[in-house]
């Protein structure tokens, strides 16, 4: 019997999950595997003919995107995912594979990975010790105008930290219980003074500031998964590489194969299962401009808000079990604002501040801007960044405040709306920094040091519509299985929300790309 014809696979989206899936498919018949050995399992796999990646946006990366113009000298500022959470993952495997090449880009005297102090309780903070460079986090209580160090002996703060760190040890609970239910129990109630910091240091990072909507059971499962499967530690890549460098590396791995093509500004509008003339079945993907791609299999990496909307028409419609599963995860607004300063206006050793003011989380970094463009030289000058991150209700309230400021401006501005929003955001943030660090700087000193700002609102990206997922109250393992399950053995699904271990990270997205590709190839994936 002749072998079946090679599979032509289309992938919707060009983020970390999509690129990992493409890489896995293209490598399934790698020519350097030796015939006659156990590793030659590729001989039993279906051949892959073409892999076509279509992306509605003008860039590759999905929720990994950089601004390469904000800081000169080849520095890249992440507008989306920025932090490397944990080690021993698919993400850090890519970093290690690229380390030698990237080190030559940044210079041998530069650290490729900068250790991050873990301040957020949702990330496992506060860490017990500063970083190797002496950096640590602080926590600001607005009503008391009080700044707490990570190692404070404040009884209420210690109690809150104790309750949050104990989540990982909880047994499985009723799927109908929320995190808010748990924090209102007599034995695990959060002290009233700390409710604002709970929203800022836990809820904001968790992606949903209303903890009544978040599943206790699955947040505990995520915590357990991270503890058991990933090595501790957070870091960020050198600014000349950034998280966007991960996307570049993944793209390079598929670009070198002439079976793969990437089509940008190609919006998948309709996905139809259809019988072909030979009696088989094909998937026809139609774009908003009427272009068509015919494939044997399709991997869909669109985020949950896109899957459950009318952005893509499925013919026949997706099964109700699939939609029900996707509706059990939430994905809310995420906003990032970055301010650049010519001088450091916060204490040198402070790397992160969590506050119950407008900006829940803000982290700081120093970037060397080389005068001659040589990354290995140390003759440049430092610029200082304050990176602010808001999700859910905090992001909504912040953007509403910005729009109110713009509407109340006495004079009309010809500046684009995004510039006006960034400047309005900067005014709010400068006020907050001066208040939080009043012992280190005055409002006038903050103003003199301020250079510029950028703002990125992920909810306004029509094909993304938010930050990252959180598990809703009532979600069960069957919902994750259904999100990951294929439809008619033709439509496959990937993206961090479909990860059955733990979501919310770049490595989670990559793992689902590997799983979807292996499903097509008929390889069991654990």
Protein backbone atom coordinates (compact mmCIF):
# COMPACT_ATOMS: atom_id res chain seq x y z
CA UNK A 1 0.00 0.00 0.00
CA UNK A 2 1.45 3.39 -0.96
CA UNK A 3 2.02 5.87 1.88
CA UNK A 4 -0.62 8.56 2.37
CA UNK A 5 0.11 11.93 0.82
CA UNK A 6 1.96 14.46 3.02
CA UNK A 7 -0.18 16.51 5.36
CA UNK A 8 -0.66 20.20 4.69
CA UNK A 9 -1.19 22.00 7.99
CA UNK A 10 -2.38 25.55 8.58
CA UNK A 11 -1.85 27.37 11.88
CA UNK A 12 -4.01 30.32 12.93
CA UNK A 13 -1.90 32.82 14.86
CA UNK A 14 1.86 33.33 15.05
CA UNK A 15 2.66 33.41 18.76
CA UNK A 16 4.80 31.09 20.86
CA UNK A 17 2.30 28.22 20.64
CA UNK A 18 2.03 28.48 16.85
CA UNK A 19 5.77 28.68 16.23
CA UNK A 20 6.42 25.73 18.56
CA UNK A 21 3.78 23.69 16.75
CA UNK A 22 5.31 24.54 13.38
CA UNK A 23 8.78 23.66 14.60
CA UNK A 24 7.55 20.30 15.92
CA UNK A 25 5.74 19.40 12.70
CA UNK A 26 8.67 20.32 10.48
CA UNK A 27 11.14 18.41 12.65
CA UNK A 28 9.07 15.22 12.73
CA UNK A 29 11.04 13.74 9.82
CA UNK A 30 14.39 15.28 10.65
CA UNK A 31 16.97 13.88 8.24
CA UNK A 32 19.70 13.55 10.86
CA UNK A 33 17.88 10.77 12.70
CA UNK A 34 19.62 7.48 12.06
CA UNK A 35 17.57 4.75 10.31
CA UNK A 36 17.39 1.44 12.10
CA UNK A 37 17.55 2.96 15.58
CA UNK A 38 14.85 3.51 18.17
CA UNK A 39 15.07 7.24 17.49
CA UNK A 40 13.90 6.64 13.93
CA UNK A 41 10.28 6.77 15.04
CA UNK A 42 9.86 9.48 12.35
CA UNK A 43 9.58 6.72 9.71
CA UNK A 44 6.24 5.77 11.25
CA UNK A 45 4.88 9.32 11.39
CA UNK A 46 2.76 10.98 8.71
CA UNK A 47 4.86 13.14 6.41
CA UNK A 48 4.34 16.88 6.62
CA UNK A 49 4.05 18.61 3.26
CA UNK A 50 3.57 22.28 4.11
CA UNK A 51 2.98 24.37 7.22
CA UNK A 52 1.27 27.69 6.59
CA UNK A 53 1.06 30.16 9.48
CA UNK A 54 -1.44 33.01 9.11
CA UNK A 55 -1.36 36.00 11.43
CA UNK A 56 -3.87 38.88 11.47
CA UNK A 57 -1.36 41.35 12.89
CA UNK A 58 1.66 42.87 11.17
CA UNK A 59 4.18 41.10 13.42
CA UNK A 60 5.04 37.61 14.65
CA UNK A 61 4.72 36.95 18.39
CA UNK A 62 1.13 37.26 19.59
CA UNK A 63 1.25 38.59 23.15
CA UNK A 64 5.04 38.88 22.91
CA UNK A 65 5.75 42.22 21.25
CA UNK A 66 8.51 44.79 21.65
CA UNK A 67 9.02 48.48 21.02
CA UNK A 68 12.50 48.75 19.50
CA UNK A 69 12.54 52.57 19.23
CA UNK A 70 11.76 53.72 22.79
CA UNK A 71 15.34 53.28 24.00
CA UNK A 72 18.16 53.79 21.45
CA UNK A 73 21.16 51.54 20.98
CA UNK A 74 19.36 48.39 19.88
CA UNK A 75 17.37 48.01 23.11
CA UNK A 76 14.03 46.25 22.93
CA UNK A 77 11.25 47.02 25.40
CA UNK A 78 8.69 44.27 25.94
CA UNK A 79 5.11 45.50 25.67
CA UNK A 80 3.68 42.10 26.59
CA UNK A 81 5.25 39.08 28.27
CA UNK A 82 8.55 40.11 29.84
CA UNK A 83 9.42 37.93 32.83
CA UNK A 84 10.93 34.45 32.58
CA UNK A 85 8.96 32.60 35.26
CA UNK A 86 10.81 29.53 36.47
CA UNK A 87 13.61 27.46 34.96
CA UNK A 88 13.86 23.99 33.48
CA UNK A 89 11.08 24.77 30.98
CA UNK A 90 10.67 24.79 27.20
CA UNK A 91 11.23 28.54 27.34
CA UNK A 92 14.53 28.33 29.18
CA UNK A 93 15.60 25.49 26.87
CA UNK A 94 15.41 28.00 24.00
CA UNK A 95 17.40 30.53 26.02
CA UNK A 96 20.14 28.01 26.73
CA UNK A 97 20.27 26.96 23.07
CA UNK A 98 20.71 30.61 22.04
CA UNK A 99 22.99 31.65 24.90
CA UNK A 100 26.28 31.65 22.98
CA UNK A 101 24.88 33.63 20.06
CA UNK A 102 23.03 36.09 22.26
CA UNK A 103 26.06 36.61 24.47
CA UNK A 104 28.00 37.76 21.39
CA UNK A 105 25.23 40.29 20.70
CA UNK A 106 25.20 41.85 24.18
CA UNK A 107 28.92 41.54 24.92
CA UNK A 108 30.82 39.09 27.08
CA UNK A 109 30.75 41.44 30.08
CA UNK A 110 26.94 41.59 30.15
CA UNK A 111 24.56 39.26 31.98
CA UNK A 112 22.11 37.58 29.60
CA UNK A 113 19.58 36.99 32.38
CA UNK A 114 18.97 39.49 35.16
CA UNK A 115 17.60 37.99 38.36
CA UNK A 116 14.24 39.40 39.37
CA UNK A 117 13.12 39.80 42.95
CA UNK A 118 9.80 37.97 43.31
CA UNK A 119 7.51 40.49 44.96
CA UNK A 120 4.04 39.49 43.79
CA UNK A 121 2.27 37.00 46.02
CA UNK A 122 0.71 35.38 42.94
CA UNK A 123 4.23 34.63 41.67
CA UNK A 124 5.26 33.10 45.00
CA UNK A 125 6.52 36.25 46.67
CA UNK A 126 7.73 37.90 48.67
CA UNK A 127 11.06 36.14 48.25
CA UNK A 128 12.86 35.68 51.55
CA UNK A 129 16.08 37.26 50.37
CA UNK A 130 17.13 40.04 47.97
CA UNK A 131 18.61 39.12 44.59
CA UNK A 132 22.35 38.53 44.24
CA UNK A 133 22.61 42.23 43.29
CA UNK A 134 20.83 43.26 46.48
CA UNK A 135 17.50 44.15 44.82
CA UNK A 136 14.23 43.67 46.69
CA UNK A 137 10.56 44.65 46.71
CA UNK A 138 8.52 47.06 48.80
CA UNK A 139 4.79 47.41 49.53
CA UNK A 140 2.95 50.71 49.94
CA UNK A 141 -0.14 51.22 52.13
CA UNK A 142 -1.77 54.44 50.90
CA UNK A 143 -4.09 55.14 53.84
CA UNK A 144 -1.18 54.92 56.25
CA UNK A 145 1.37 56.47 53.89
CA UNK A 146 3.58 53.58 54.91
CA UNK A 147 6.19 51.71 52.89
CA UNK A 148 6.92 48.15 53.97
CA UNK A 149 10.05 46.24 53.02
CA UNK A 150 9.72 42.62 51.92
CA UNK A 151 11.12 41.50 55.29
CA UNK A 152 8.80 43.65 57.40
CA UNK A 153 7.58 42.30 60.73
CA UNK A 154 4.17 43.96 60.24
CA UNK A 155 1.82 41.32 61.67
CA UNK A 156 -0.97 41.81 59.10
CA UNK A 157 1.41 41.67 56.15
CA UNK A 158 3.05 38.53 57.51
CA UNK A 159 -0.37 36.97 58.07
CA UNK A 160 -1.44 37.70 54.49
CA UNK A 161 1.82 36.29 53.12
CA UNK A 162 1.40 33.18 55.26
CA UNK A 163 -2.15 32.56 53.98
CA UNK A 164 -1.16 33.06 50.34
CA UNK A 165 1.96 30.91 50.52
CA UNK A 166 -0.13 28.10 52.06
CA UNK A 167 -2.40 27.86 49.00
CA UNK A 168 -0.08 25.31 47.42
CA UNK A 169 -0.66 22.94 50.35
CA UNK A 170 -4.47 22.99 50.20
CA UNK A 171 -6.29 19.76 49.31
CA UNK A 172 -8.67 19.65 46.35
CA UNK A 173 -11.86 21.56 47.10
CA UNK A 174 -15.35 22.04 45.71
CA UNK A 175 -15.12 23.43 42.16
CA UNK A 176 -17.72 26.04 43.11
CA UNK A 177 -15.46 27.75 45.64
CA UNK A 178 -13.68 30.96 44.72
CA UNK A 179 -10.51 32.50 46.05
CA UNK A 180 -12.70 35.16 47.70
CA UNK A 181 -14.60 32.42 49.56
CA UNK A 182 -11.32 31.05 50.88
CA UNK A 183 -10.05 34.46 52.00
CA UNK A 184 -13.29 35.10 53.87
CA UNK A 185 -13.10 31.88 55.89
CA UNK A 186 -12.43 32.40 59.58
CA UNK A 187 -9.09 30.61 59.55
CA UNK A 188 -7.82 32.10 56.28
CA UNK A 189 -9.28 35.58 56.27
CA UNK A 190 -7.04 38.36 54.98
CA UNK A 191 -6.55 41.23 57.47
CA UNK A 192 -8.62 44.26 56.43
CA UNK A 193 -5.56 46.51 56.24
CA UNK A 194 -4.12 44.24 53.55
CA UNK A 195 -7.14 43.99 51.23
CA UNK A 196 -5.70 46.64 48.90
CA UNK A 197 -2.34 44.87 48.71
CA UNK A 198 -4.13 41.57 48.13
CA UNK A 199 -5.76 43.08 45.04
CA UNK A 200 -2.47 44.58 43.86
CA UNK A 201 0.03 41.88 44.73
CA UNK A 202 -2.10 38.82 44.07
CA UNK A 203 -5.25 39.56 42.07
CA UNK A 204 -3.59 41.91 39.56
CA UNK A 205 -0.88 39.35 38.76
CA UNK A 206 -3.47 36.56 38.63
CA UNK A 207 -5.20 38.47 35.82
CA UNK A 208 -8.52 39.15 37.56
CA UNK A 209 -9.01 41.61 40.41
CA UNK A 210 -12.40 40.13 41.40
CA UNK A 211 -11.34 37.03 43.31
CA UNK A 212 -14.97 35.97 43.54
CA UNK A 213 -14.66 34.97 39.87
CA UNK A 214 -11.46 32.93 40.24
CA UNK A 215 -11.49 29.18 40.96
CA UNK A 216 -9.78 28.32 44.24
CA UNK A 217 -9.32 24.72 43.17
CA UNK A 218 -7.53 25.50 39.92
CA UNK A 219 -5.35 28.29 41.26
CA UNK A 220 -4.15 25.77 43.84
CA UNK A 221 -3.55 23.22 41.04
CA UNK A 222 -1.51 25.81 39.11
CA UNK A 223 0.58 26.52 42.21
CA UNK A 224 1.23 22.81 42.71
CA UNK A 225 2.15 22.32 39.06
CA UNK A 226 4.67 25.17 39.10
CA UNK A 227 6.22 23.91 42.33
CA UNK A 228 6.53 20.34 41.07
CA UNK A 229 7.55 20.94 37.45
CA UNK A 230 9.56 24.16 37.34
CA UNK A 231 12.67 25.31 39.13
CA UNK A 232 12.33 28.43 41.28
CA UNK A 233 13.44 31.81 40.09
CA UNK A 234 12.33 34.72 37.92
CA UNK A 235 14.51 36.63 35.47
CA UNK A 236 14.37 38.92 32.48
CA UNK A 237 16.46 38.85 29.35
CA UNK A 238 18.99 41.55 28.50
CA UNK A 239 17.18 44.47 26.82
CA UNK A 240 19.07 43.93 23.56
CA UNK A 241 17.43 40.49 23.41
CA UNK A 242 14.19 40.81 25.42
CA UNK A 243 11.36 38.27 25.34
CA UNK A 244 10.91 39.22 21.69
CA UNK A 245 14.25 37.45 21.11
CA UNK A 246 12.51 34.16 21.98
CA UNK A 247 10.09 34.74 19.12
CA UNK A 248 12.95 35.59 16.78
CA UNK A 249 14.69 32.34 17.72
CA UNK A 250 11.55 30.24 17.23
CA UNK A 251 10.84 31.94 13.93
CA UNK A 252 14.36 31.33 12.69
CA UNK A 253 13.88 27.63 13.37
CA UNK A 254 10.94 27.44 10.94
CA UNK A 255 11.99 30.11 8.43
CA UNK A 256 14.92 27.95 7.33
CA UNK A 257 12.53 25.24 6.11
CA UNK A 258 11.06 25.97 2.67
CA UNK A 259 7.96 23.93 3.57
CA UNK A 260 6.93 26.70 5.99
CA UNK A 261 5.46 30.09 5.13
CA UNK A 262 4.22 32.90 7.36
CA UNK A 263 1.57 35.29 6.08
CA UNK A 264 1.16 38.49 8.08
CA UNK A 265 -1.86 40.81 7.92
CA UNK A 266 -3.87 37.71 7.01
CA UNK A 267 -7.07 37.62 9.09
CA UNK A 268 -8.76 34.23 9.25
CA UNK A 269 -12.46 35.04 9.00
CA UNK A 270 -14.01 31.67 8.17
CA UNK A 271 -12.93 28.07 8.83
CA UNK A 272 -14.96 25.48 6.96
CA UNK A 273 -14.79 21.68 6.94
CA UNK A 274 -15.54 20.48 3.42
CA UNK A 275 -15.62 17.27 1.38
CA UNK A 276 -13.18 17.19 -1.53
CA UNK A 277 -13.57 15.59 -4.96
CA UNK A 278 -11.59 12.51 -3.94
CA UNK A 279 -14.02 11.68 -1.15
CA UNK A 280 -11.79 13.01 1.60
CA UNK A 281 -12.18 16.04 3.83
CA UNK A 282 -10.33 19.33 3.82
CA UNK A 283 -10.34 22.52 5.84
CA UNK A 284 -10.83 25.74 3.89
CA UNK A 285 -9.67 28.90 5.67
CA UNK A 286 -10.90 32.17 4.18
CA UNK A 287 -9.42 35.57 4.96
CA UNK A 288 -11.17 38.92 5.34
CA UNK A 289 -9.90 39.77 1.84
CA UNK A 290 -11.32 36.64 0.25
CA UNK A 291 -8.05 34.68 0.11
CA UNK A 292 -8.25 30.94 0.72
CA UNK A 293 -5.97 28.25 2.12
CA UNK A 294 -6.83 24.57 1.87
CA UNK A 295 -5.36 22.30 4.54
CA UNK A 296 -5.67 18.78 5.88
CA UNK A 297 -5.34 19.89 9.50
CA UNK A 298 -5.57 23.26 11.24
CA UNK A 299 -4.15 24.36 14.59
CA UNK A 300 -6.03 27.30 16.09
CA UNK A 301 -4.10 29.33 18.66
CA UNK A 302 -6.51 32.26 19.03
CA UNK A 303 -7.17 33.38 22.64
CA UNK A 304 -10.45 32.45 24.37
CA UNK A 305 -12.23 35.82 23.78
CA UNK A 306 -11.67 35.38 20.04
CA UNK A 307 -12.75 31.71 19.96
CA UNK A 308 -16.03 32.50 21.75
CA UNK A 309 -16.79 35.64 19.73
CA UNK A 310 -17.99 36.01 16.16
CA UNK A 311 -14.52 37.06 15.01
CA UNK A 312 -14.05 33.68 13.28
CA UNK A 313 -16.99 31.86 11.68
CA UNK A 314 -16.76 28.08 11.95
CA UNK A 315 -18.67 25.93 9.46
CA UNK A 316 -20.13 23.82 10.88
CA UNK A 317 -20.22 25.76 14.18
CA UNK A 318 -17.92 24.60 16.93
CA UNK A 319 -19.56 21.98 19.17
CA UNK A 320 -21.22 23.31 22.28
CA UNK A 321 -18.84 21.31 24.47
CA UNK A 322 -15.92 23.21 22.96
CA UNK A 323 -17.55 26.62 23.50
CA UNK A 324 -18.61 25.65 27.03
CA UNK A 325 -15.00 24.78 27.85
CA UNK A 326 -13.60 28.04 26.50
CA UNK A 327 -16.24 30.00 28.39
CA UNK A 328 -14.88 28.58 31.65
CA UNK A 329 -11.70 30.65 31.40
CA UNK A 330 -11.58 34.41 31.65
CA UNK A 331 -9.18 36.83 30.00
CA UNK A 332 -9.43 40.46 30.96
CA UNK A 333 -7.83 43.75 30.08
CA UNK A 334 -4.08 44.15 30.50
CA UNK A 335 -2.24 47.46 30.21
CA UNK A 336 1.46 48.18 30.33
CA UNK A 337 2.93 51.67 30.74
CA UNK A 338 6.67 52.33 30.61
CA UNK A 339 8.22 55.60 31.77
CA UNK A 340 11.78 56.58 30.96
CA UNK A 341 13.83 58.77 33.32
CA UNK A 342 17.24 60.37 33.03
CA UNK A 343 17.91 59.81 36.73
CA UNK A 344 16.84 57.20 39.26
CA UNK A 345 14.11 58.66 41.45
CA UNK A 346 13.53 55.52 43.53
CA UNK A 347 15.95 53.90 46.01
CA UNK A 348 18.75 52.08 44.17
CA UNK A 349 18.08 48.68 45.75
CA UNK A 350 14.31 48.73 45.18
CA UNK A 351 13.36 46.69 42.12
CA UNK A 352 9.59 46.43 42.57
CA UNK A 353 6.85 48.31 44.38
CA UNK A 354 3.36 46.95 44.95
CA UNK A 355 0.83 49.56 45.98
CA UNK A 356 -2.88 49.95 46.68
CA UNK A 357 -2.95 53.17 44.63
CA UNK A 358 -3.83 53.49 40.91
CA UNK A 359 -0.82 51.47 39.76
CA UNK A 360 -0.83 48.05 41.49
CA UNK A 361 2.58 46.85 40.25
CA UNK A 362 5.63 48.76 39.10
CA UNK A 363 9.11 47.38 38.55
CA UNK A 364 12.31 49.21 37.75
CA UNK A 365 15.35 48.58 35.61
CA UNK A 366 18.52 50.38 34.58
CA UNK A 367 19.53 50.18 30.92
CA UNK A 368 22.92 51.13 29.56
CA UNK A 369 22.64 53.12 26.34
CA UNK A 370 25.96 52.79 24.53
CA UNK A 371 27.20 55.97 22.86
CA UNK A 372 28.90 54.19 19.99
CA UNK A 373 26.50 51.29 19.56
CA UNK A 374 29.06 48.71 20.76
CA UNK A 375 27.24 46.44 23.26
CA UNK A 376 30.52 45.35 24.80
CA UNK A 377 31.60 48.86 25.73
CA UNK A 378 30.80 50.50 29.03
CA UNK A 379 31.15 54.08 27.85
CA UNK A 380 27.41 54.73 27.59
CA UNK A 381 24.99 56.36 29.98
CA UNK A 382 22.26 54.80 32.06
CA UNK A 383 18.59 55.37 31.47
CA UNK A 384 16.01 54.31 34.04
CA UNK A 385 12.66 52.64 33.40
CA UNK A 386 9.54 52.33 35.54
CA UNK A 387 7.38 49.54 34.10
CA UNK A 388 3.76 49.60 35.28
CA UNK A 389 1.39 46.69 34.88
CA UNK A 390 -2.39 46.65 35.37
CA UNK A 391 -5.07 44.04 34.68
CA UNK A 392 -8.82 43.62 35.00
CA UNK A 393 -10.69 46.26 37.03
CA UNK A 394 -7.48 48.09 37.89
CA UNK A 395 -6.73 48.48 34.17
CA UNK A 396 -10.30 49.56 33.43
CA UNK A 397 -10.29 52.20 36.17
CA UNK A 398 -6.88 53.48 35.08
CA UNK A 399 -7.87 53.83 31.43
CA UNK A 400 -11.15 55.51 32.42
CA UNK A 401 -9.14 58.00 34.48
CA UNK A 402 -6.81 58.66 31.56
CA UNK A 403 -9.71 59.27 29.18
CA UNK A 404 -11.29 61.64 31.70
CA UNK A 405 -8.05 63.61 31.90
CA UNK A 406 -7.89 63.86 28.11
CA UNK A 407 -11.51 65.00 27.84
CA UNK A 408 -10.98 67.67 30.50
CA UNK A 409 -7.95 69.20 28.79
CA UNK A 410 -8.60 72.89 28.24
CA UNK A 411 -6.82 73.03 24.87
CA UNK A 412 -7.12 70.79 21.87
CA UNK A 413 -4.05 68.74 21.03
CA UNK A 414 -3.03 67.60 17.58
CA UNK A 415 -1.05 64.73 19.06
CA UNK A 416 -2.31 61.19 18.29
CA UNK A 417 -4.58 59.67 20.90
CA UNK A 418 -2.01 57.03 21.91
CA UNK A 419 0.55 59.78 22.66
CA UNK A 420 -1.97 61.77 24.68
CA UNK A 421 -2.94 58.67 26.63
CA UNK A 422 0.69 57.85 27.37
CA UNK A 423 1.34 61.37 28.64
CA UNK A 424 -1.82 61.37 30.78
CA UNK A 425 -0.78 57.99 32.20
CA UNK A 426 2.70 59.35 32.92
CA UNK A 427 1.25 62.21 34.98
CA UNK A 428 -0.65 59.76 37.18
CA UNK A 429 2.39 57.53 37.58
CA UNK A 430 4.75 60.42 38.36
CA UNK A 431 2.36 61.56 41.09
CA UNK A 432 2.28 58.05 42.53
CA UNK A 433 6.06 57.57 42.44
CA UNK A 434 6.59 60.90 44.20
CA UNK A 435 4.09 59.90 46.87
CA UNK A 436 5.44 56.39 47.43
CA UNK A 437 9.09 57.48 47.45
CA UNK A 438 8.62 60.86 49.13
CA UNK A 439 11.71 60.26 51.26
CA UNK A 440 13.86 59.80 48.14
CA UNK A 441 12.53 62.47 45.79
CA UNK A 442 10.15 65.38 45.38
CA UNK A 443 7.49 65.73 42.68
CA UNK A 444 9.65 68.40 41.05
CA UNK A 445 12.64 66.04 40.93
CA UNK A 446 10.48 63.36 39.35
CA UNK A 447 9.37 65.84 36.71
CA UNK A 448 12.89 66.97 35.90
CA UNK A 449 14.05 63.38 35.47
CA UNK A 450 11.12 62.35 33.28
CA UNK A 451 11.90 61.81 29.59
CA UNK A 452 9.06 59.98 27.83
CA UNK A 453 6.46 57.22 28.09
CA UNK A 454 4.63 54.56 26.10
CA UNK A 455 1.33 52.80 26.83
CA UNK A 456 0.03 49.53 25.38
CA UNK A 457 -3.51 48.29 25.96
CA UNK A 458 -3.83 44.63 24.95
CA UNK A 459 -7.63 44.71 25.09
CA UNK A 460 -7.59 46.97 22.03
CA UNK A 461 -5.84 44.36 19.88
CA UNK A 462 -8.87 42.89 18.15
CA UNK A 463 -7.35 39.45 17.64
CA UNK A 464 -6.15 39.15 21.28
CA UNK A 465 -8.50 41.19 23.51
CA UNK A 466 -6.73 40.83 26.85
CA UNK A 467 -3.76 39.71 28.88
CA UNK A 468 -3.78 36.06 29.92
CA UNK A 469 -6.29 33.55 31.18
CA UNK A 470 -7.57 32.80 34.65
CA UNK A 471 -9.73 29.79 35.66
CA UNK A 472 -13.33 30.70 36.45
CA UNK A 473 -15.26 29.33 39.39
CA UNK A 474 -16.73 25.96 38.42
CA UNK A 475 -14.03 24.97 35.96
CA UNK A 476 -13.10 21.28 36.00
CA UNK A 477 -10.45 19.12 34.39
CA UNK A 478 -12.95 18.10 31.70
CA UNK A 479 -13.07 21.73 30.51
CA UNK A 480 -9.30 21.80 29.96
CA UNK A 481 -9.51 18.44 28.19
CA UNK A 482 -12.27 19.79 25.96
CA UNK A 483 -10.34 22.96 25.13
CA UNK A 484 -7.39 20.83 24.07
CA UNK A 485 -9.47 18.17 22.26
CA UNK A 486 -9.61 18.22 18.46
CA UNK A 487 -12.81 18.61 16.48
CA UNK A 488 -13.39 15.91 13.84
CA UNK A 489 -9.67 15.12 13.91
CA UNK A 490 -9.20 18.19 11.72
CA UNK A 491 -9.32 21.24 13.98
CA UNK A 492 -6.73 21.30 16.78
CA UNK A 493 -6.40 23.89 19.52
CA UNK A 494 -3.40 25.43 21.29
CA UNK A 495 -2.54 28.51 23.35
CA UNK A 496 -1.75 28.96 27.04
CA UNK A 497 -5.41 28.65 28.07
CA UNK A 498 -5.52 25.08 26.72
CA UNK A 499 -2.64 23.87 28.89
CA UNK A 500 -3.78 21.07 31.20
CA UNK A 501 -0.95 21.65 33.69
CA UNK A 502 -0.82 25.38 34.38
CA UNK A 503 -1.53 28.37 32.18
CA UNK A 504 -0.53 32.06 32.13
CA UNK A 505 3.11 31.70 30.98
CA UNK A 506 5.07 31.63 27.73
CA UNK A 507 6.21 28.07 28.40
CA UNK A 508 2.56 27.07 28.91
CA UNK A 509 1.80 28.32 25.39
CA UNK A 510 4.83 26.53 23.96
CA UNK A 511 3.82 23.25 25.61
CA UNK A 512 0.39 23.40 23.96
CA UNK A 513 1.94 23.99 20.54
CA UNK A 514 4.03 20.86 21.06
CA UNK A 515 0.95 18.92 22.21
CA UNK A 516 -1.22 20.00 19.24
CA UNK A 517 1.50 19.12 16.73
CA UNK A 518 2.05 15.75 18.38
CA UNK A 519 -1.70 15.09 18.27
CA UNK A 520 -1.61 15.59 14.51
CA UNK A 521 1.42 13.32 14.22
CA UNK A 522 -0.19 10.67 16.40
CA UNK A 523 2.37 10.96 19.18
CA UNK A 524 1.22 10.69 22.78
CA UNK A 525 2.15 13.80 24.78
CA UNK A 526 2.29 14.00 28.56
